[in-house]
């Protein structure tokens, strides 16, 4: 079980970092279409990160 927790934790960290990167790209893009695309990608990454976080909460530590 501990191994699964650490896998979920690592996946959470990667997804959360990706969400932050895409949000940064959205904030710094000059083309509105590009901004919107990066913002949407960021939202998907954040949702996935939240799912991994919920998964982590299910494992005993």
N, C-alpha and C. Protein backbone atom coordinates (compact mmCIF):
# COMPACT_ATOMS: atom_id res chain seq x y z
N UNK A 1 0.81 -1.20 0.00
CA UNK A 1 0.00 0.00 0.00
C UNK A 1 0.85 1.26 0.00
N UNK A 2 1.94 1.24 0.73
CA UNK A 2 2.79 2.43 0.80
C UNK A 2 3.35 2.77 -0.58
N UNK A 3 3.68 1.73 -1.36
CA UNK A 3 4.20 1.95 -2.70
C UNK A 3 3.17 2.69 -3.55
N UNK A 4 1.90 2.28 -3.47
CA UNK A 4 0.83 2.93 -4.23
C UNK A 4 0.67 4.39 -3.81
N UNK A 5 0.80 4.66 -2.53
CA UNK A 5 0.70 6.04 -2.05
C UNK A 5 1.79 6.90 -2.68
N UNK A 6 3.01 6.40 -2.70
CA UNK A 6 4.12 7.18 -3.24
C UNK A 6 3.99 7.37 -4.75
N UNK A 7 3.45 6.39 -5.44
CA UNK A 7 3.20 6.53 -6.87
C UNK A 7 2.16 7.63 -7.11
N UNK A 8 1.07 7.60 -6.34
CA UNK A 8 0.03 8.62 -6.47
C UNK A 8 0.58 9.99 -6.10
N UNK A 9 1.43 10.05 -5.08
CA UNK A 9 2.02 11.32 -4.67
C UNK A 9 2.91 11.91 -5.76
N UNK A 10 3.72 11.05 -6.37
CA UNK A 10 4.58 11.52 -7.45
C UNK A 10 3.77 12.00 -8.64
N UNK A 11 2.72 11.26 -8.97
CA UNK A 11 1.84 11.66 -10.07
C UNK A 11 1.16 12.99 -9.76
N UNK A 12 0.73 13.16 -8.51
CA UNK A 12 0.12 14.43 -8.09
C UNK A 12 1.10 15.58 -8.29
N UNK A 13 2.32 15.39 -7.84
CA UNK A 13 3.32 16.46 -7.95
C UNK A 13 3.56 16.83 -9.41
N UNK A 14 3.66 15.83 -10.28
CA UNK A 14 3.90 16.10 -11.70
C UNK A 14 2.72 16.83 -12.34
N UNK A 15 1.51 16.39 -12.04
CA UNK A 15 0.32 17.03 -12.61
C UNK A 15 0.15 18.44 -12.08
N UNK A 16 0.41 18.64 -10.80
CA UNK A 16 0.29 19.97 -10.20
C UNK A 16 1.31 20.92 -10.81
N UNK A 17 2.53 20.45 -11.01
CA UNK A 17 3.57 21.27 -11.63
C UNK A 17 3.18 21.62 -13.07
N UNK A 18 2.67 20.65 -13.79
CA UNK A 18 2.24 20.89 -15.17
C UNK A 18 1.13 21.94 -15.22
N UNK A 19 0.19 21.86 -14.29
CA UNK A 19 -0.91 22.84 -14.23
C UNK A 19 -0.35 24.24 -14.01
N UNK A 20 0.63 24.36 -13.12
CA UNK A 20 1.22 25.67 -12.86
C UNK A 20 1.98 26.20 -14.07
N UNK A 21 2.67 25.32 -14.78
CA UNK A 21 3.40 25.73 -15.98
C UNK A 21 2.44 26.24 -17.04
N UNK A 22 1.38 25.49 -17.30
CA UNK A 22 0.43 25.91 -18.33
C UNK A 22 -0.28 27.20 -17.94
N UNK A 23 -0.53 27.38 -16.66
CA UNK A 23 -1.14 28.64 -16.22
C UNK A 23 -0.18 29.80 -16.46
N UNK A 24 1.09 29.58 -16.20
CA UNK A 24 2.11 30.59 -16.47
C UNK A 24 2.14 30.92 -17.96
N UNK A 25 2.11 29.88 -18.80
CA UNK A 25 2.11 30.09 -20.24
C UNK A 25 0.88 30.89 -20.67
N UNK A 26 -0.26 30.57 -20.09
CA UNK A 26 -1.51 31.27 -20.43
C UNK A 26 -1.40 32.75 -20.05
N UNK A 27 -0.82 33.02 -18.92
CA UNK A 27 -0.71 34.41 -18.46
C UNK A 27 0.27 35.22 -19.29
N UNK A 28 1.22 34.55 -19.91
CA UNK A 28 2.26 35.25 -20.65
C UNK A 28 2.10 35.20 -22.16
N UNK A 29 1.13 34.46 -22.64
CA UNK A 29 0.89 34.40 -24.08
C UNK A 29 0.23 35.71 -24.53
N UNK A 30 0.52 36.10 -25.75
CA UNK A 30 -0.06 37.34 -26.27
C UNK A 30 -1.28 37.07 -27.15
N UNK A 31 -1.35 35.91 -27.74
CA UNK A 31 -2.47 35.55 -28.60
C UNK A 31 -3.61 35.03 -27.72
N UNK A 32 -4.80 35.61 -27.83
CA UNK A 32 -5.93 35.18 -26.99
C UNK A 32 -6.31 33.70 -27.16
N UNK A 33 -6.18 33.20 -28.38
CA UNK A 33 -6.49 31.78 -28.61
C UNK A 33 -5.50 30.88 -27.89
N UNK A 34 -4.25 31.27 -27.92
CA UNK A 34 -3.21 30.51 -27.23
C UNK A 34 -3.42 30.60 -25.72
N UNK A 35 -3.76 31.78 -25.23
CA UNK A 35 -4.05 31.95 -23.81
C UNK A 35 -5.17 31.01 -23.38
N UNK A 36 -6.22 30.97 -24.16
CA UNK A 36 -7.36 30.12 -23.83
C UNK A 36 -6.98 28.64 -23.83
N UNK A 37 -6.21 28.24 -24.84
CA UNK A 37 -5.79 26.85 -24.92
C UNK A 37 -4.94 26.45 -23.71
N UNK A 38 -3.96 27.27 -23.37
CA UNK A 38 -3.11 26.96 -22.22
C UNK A 38 -3.92 26.96 -20.93
N UNK A 39 -4.87 27.86 -20.82
CA UNK A 39 -5.72 27.91 -19.63
C UNK A 39 -6.55 26.63 -19.51
N UNK A 40 -7.09 26.17 -20.62
CA UNK A 40 -7.87 24.93 -20.61
C UNK A 40 -7.01 23.74 -20.23
N UNK A 41 -5.81 23.69 -20.77
CA UNK A 41 -4.89 22.59 -20.44
C UNK A 41 -4.55 22.63 -18.96
N UNK A 42 -4.32 23.83 -18.44
CA UNK A 42 -4.02 23.98 -17.02
C UNK A 42 -5.15 23.45 -16.16
N UNK A 43 -6.37 23.74 -16.55
CA UNK A 43 -7.54 23.28 -15.78
C UNK A 43 -7.64 21.75 -15.79
N UNK A 44 -7.34 21.14 -16.92
CA UNK A 44 -7.38 19.68 -17.00
C UNK A 44 -6.29 19.08 -16.11
N UNK A 45 -5.10 19.67 -16.16
CA UNK A 45 -4.00 19.18 -15.33
C UNK A 45 -4.33 19.34 -13.85
N UNK A 46 -4.96 20.45 -13.48
CA UNK A 46 -5.32 20.69 -12.08
C UNK A 46 -6.36 19.68 -11.62
N UNK A 47 -7.32 19.38 -12.48
CA UNK A 47 -8.34 18.39 -12.14
C UNK A 47 -7.71 17.02 -11.92
N UNK A 48 -6.78 16.67 -12.78
CA UNK A 48 -6.09 15.39 -12.64
C UNK A 48 -5.27 15.36 -11.36
N UNK A 49 -4.61 16.47 -11.03
CA UNK A 49 -3.84 16.55 -9.79
C UNK A 49 -4.75 16.35 -8.59
N UNK A 50 -5.93 16.95 -8.62
CA UNK A 50 -6.88 16.80 -7.52
C UNK A 50 -7.34 15.35 -7.38
N UNK A 51 -7.49 14.66 -8.50
CA UNK A 51 -7.89 13.25 -8.45
C UNK A 51 -6.79 12.41 -7.80
N UNK A 52 -5.55 12.71 -8.12
CA UNK A 52 -4.44 11.98 -7.49
C UNK A 52 -4.37 12.31 -6.00
N UNK A 53 -4.65 13.55 -5.64
CA UNK A 53 -4.64 13.94 -4.23
C UNK A 53 -5.73 13.18 -3.47
N UNK A 54 -6.90 13.05 -4.06
CA UNK A 54 -7.97 12.28 -3.43
C UNK A 54 -7.57 10.82 -3.29
N UNK A 55 -6.89 10.30 -4.29
CA UNK A 55 -6.41 8.93 -4.24
C UNK A 55 -5.42 8.75 -3.08
N UNK A 56 -4.54 9.72 -2.91
CA UNK A 56 -3.56 9.65 -1.82
C UNK A 56 -4.24 9.60 -0.47
N UNK A 57 -5.34 10.32 -0.32
CA UNK A 57 -6.06 10.36 0.95
C UNK A 57 -6.70 9.02 1.30
N UNK A 58 -6.84 8.14 0.33
CA UNK A 58 -7.44 6.83 0.58
C UNK A 58 -6.46 5.81 1.13
N UNK A 59 -5.17 6.10 0.99
CA UNK A 59 -4.15 5.15 1.46
C UNK A 59 -3.74 5.47 2.89
N UNK A 60 -3.60 4.44 3.70
CA UNK A 60 -3.07 4.67 5.06
C UNK A 60 -1.59 5.01 4.96
N UNK A 61 -1.16 5.86 5.85
CA UNK A 61 0.26 6.27 5.79
C UNK A 61 1.06 5.65 6.91
